[in-house]
Amino acid sequence: MTLDRAVMMFAGFMVLLSLALGFYVSPWWYLLNAFVGLNLIQASVTGFCPAAIAFRLFGIKAGRAFKG
């Protein structure tokens, strides 16, 4: 698995998790959706992605989007 796919999978998982928590636990969990969305927009504009840095530390190889 490349870093690009790992980041996309993690973002998708976080969106689904926050939707479930918002529905079953508390609507405040929907703020996690907003944070994930804003982080995705920020990463697309700046190229800086904290999740990519963390996954790189775990040894996942870079794909096309997160070279470096």
C-alpha atoms as a PDB file:
ATOM      1  CA  MET A   1       0.000   0.000   0.000  1.00  0.00           C
ATOM      2  CA  THR A   2       1.314   3.433  -0.862  1.00  0.00           C
ATOM      3  CA  LEU A   3       1.232   6.487   1.362  1.00  0.00           C
ATOM      4  CA  ASP A   4      -1.427   8.096  -0.843  1.00  0.00           C
ATOM      5  CA  ARG A   5      -3.821   5.205  -0.419  1.00  0.00           C
ATOM      6  CA  ALA A   6      -3.131   4.938   3.302  1.00  0.00           C
ATOM      7  CA  VAL A   7      -3.980   8.621   3.805  1.00  0.00           C
ATOM      8  CA  MET A   8      -7.184   8.325   1.756  1.00  0.00           C
ATOM      9  CA  MET A   9      -8.200   5.176   3.652  1.00  0.00           C
ATOM     10  CA  PHE A  10      -7.523   6.841   7.004  1.00  0.00           C
ATOM     11  CA  ALA A  11      -9.517   9.952   6.031  1.00  0.00           C
ATOM     12  CA  GLY A  12     -12.438   7.823   4.860  1.00  0.00           C
ATOM     13  CA  PHE A  13     -12.339   5.773   8.046  1.00  0.00           C
ATOM     14  CA  MET A  14     -12.329   8.924  10.185  1.00  0.00           C
ATOM     15  CA  VAL A  15     -15.318  10.354   8.287  1.00  0.00           C
ATOM     16  CA  LEU A  16     -17.330   7.155   8.718  1.00  0.00           C
ATOM     17  CA  LEU A  17     -16.307   6.833  12.372  1.00  0.00           C
ATOM     18  CA  SER A  18     -17.319  10.405  13.172  1.00  0.00           C
ATOM     19  CA  LEU A  19     -20.647   9.953  11.385  1.00  0.00           C
ATOM     20  CA  ALA A  20     -21.379   6.850  13.464  1.00  0.00           C
ATOM     21  CA  LEU A  21     -20.288   8.522  16.703  1.00  0.00           C
ATOM     22  CA  GLY A  22     -22.334  11.604  15.857  1.00  0.00           C
ATOM     23  CA  PHE A  23     -25.423   9.516  15.240  1.00  0.00           C
ATOM     24  CA  TYR A  24     -25.115   7.106  18.177  1.00  0.00           C
ATOM     25  CA  VAL A  25     -23.220   9.080  20.838  1.00  0.00           C
ATOM     26  CA  SER A  26     -23.364  12.852  20.460  1.00  0.00           C
ATOM     27  CA  PRO A  27     -23.835  15.361  17.638  1.00  0.00           C
ATOM     28  CA  TRP A  28     -20.605  17.035  18.777  1.00  0.00           C
ATOM     29  CA  TRP A  29     -18.723  14.246  16.995  1.00  0.00           C
ATOM     30  CA  TYR A  30     -19.762  15.814  13.682  1.00  0.00           C
ATOM     31  CA  LEU A  31     -17.069  18.405  14.348  1.00  0.00           C
ATOM     32  CA  LEU A  32     -14.541  15.659  13.624  1.00  0.00           C
ATOM     33  CA  ASN A  33     -16.000  15.499  10.091  1.00  0.00           C
ATOM     34  CA  ALA A  34     -15.403  19.219   9.719  1.00  0.00           C
ATOM     35  CA  PHE A  35     -11.825  18.847  10.955  1.00  0.00           C
ATOM     36  CA  VAL A  36     -11.102  16.006   8.524  1.00  0.00           C
ATOM     37  CA  GLY A  37     -12.600  17.961   5.627  1.00  0.00           C
ATOM     38  CA  LEU A  38     -10.640  21.105   6.459  1.00  0.00           C
ATOM     39  CA  ASN A  39      -7.459  19.072   6.827  1.00  0.00           C
ATOM     40  CA  LEU A  40      -8.013  17.495   3.397  1.00  0.00           C
ATOM     41  CA  ILE A  41      -8.498  20.930   1.826  1.00  0.00           C
ATOM     42  CA  GLN A  42      -5.437  22.297   3.616  1.00  0.00           C
ATOM     43  CA  ALA A  43      -3.318  19.324   2.507  1.00  0.00           C
ATOM     44  CA  SER A  44      -4.388  19.736  -1.111  1.00  0.00           C
ATOM     45  CA  VAL A  45      -3.435  23.422  -1.110  1.00  0.00           C
ATOM     46  CA  THR A  46      -0.214  23.326   0.907  1.00  0.00           C
ATOM     47  CA  GLY A  47       1.013  19.757   0.417  1.00  0.00           C
ATOM     48  CA  PHE A  48       1.484  19.415   4.194  1.00  0.00           C
ATOM     49  CA  CYS A  49      -0.355  16.422   5.656  1.00  0.00           C
ATOM     50  CA  PRO A  50       0.181  15.343   9.278  1.00  0.00           C
ATOM     51  CA  ALA A  51      -1.261  11.896   8.538  1.00  0.00           C
ATOM     52  CA  ALA A  52       1.224  11.404   5.704  1.00  0.00           C
ATOM     53  CA  ILE A  53       4.082  12.291   8.038  1.00  0.00           C
ATOM     54  CA  ALA A  54       2.832   9.804  10.618  1.00  0.00           C
ATOM     55  CA  PHE A  55       2.395   7.016   8.066  1.00  0.00           C
ATOM     56  CA  ARG A  56       5.846   7.731   6.630  1.00  0.00           C
ATOM     57  CA  LEU A  57       7.289   7.173  10.127  1.00  0.00           C
ATOM     58  CA  PHE A  58       5.644   3.741  10.099  1.00  0.00           C
ATOM     59  CA  GLY A  59       7.597   2.929   6.945  1.00  0.00           C
ATOM     60  CA  ILE A  60       4.880   3.207   4.303  1.00  0.00           C
ATOM     61  CA  LYS A  61       6.402   4.065   0.946  1.00  0.00           C
ATOM     62  CA  ALA A  62       5.447   7.319  -0.774  1.00  0.00           C
ATOM     63  CA  GLY A  63       3.152   7.285  -3.770  1.00  0.00           C
ATOM     64  CA  ARG A  64       2.740   9.997  -6.367  1.00  0.00           C
ATOM     65  CA  ALA A  65       1.123  12.657  -4.179  1.00  0.00           C
ATOM     66  CA  PHE A  66       3.390  12.569  -1.121  1.00  0.00           C
ATOM     67  CA  LYS A  67       6.939  12.290  -2.412  1.00  0.00           C
ATOM     68  CA  GLY A  68       9.711  13.479  -0.216  1.00  0.00           C
END
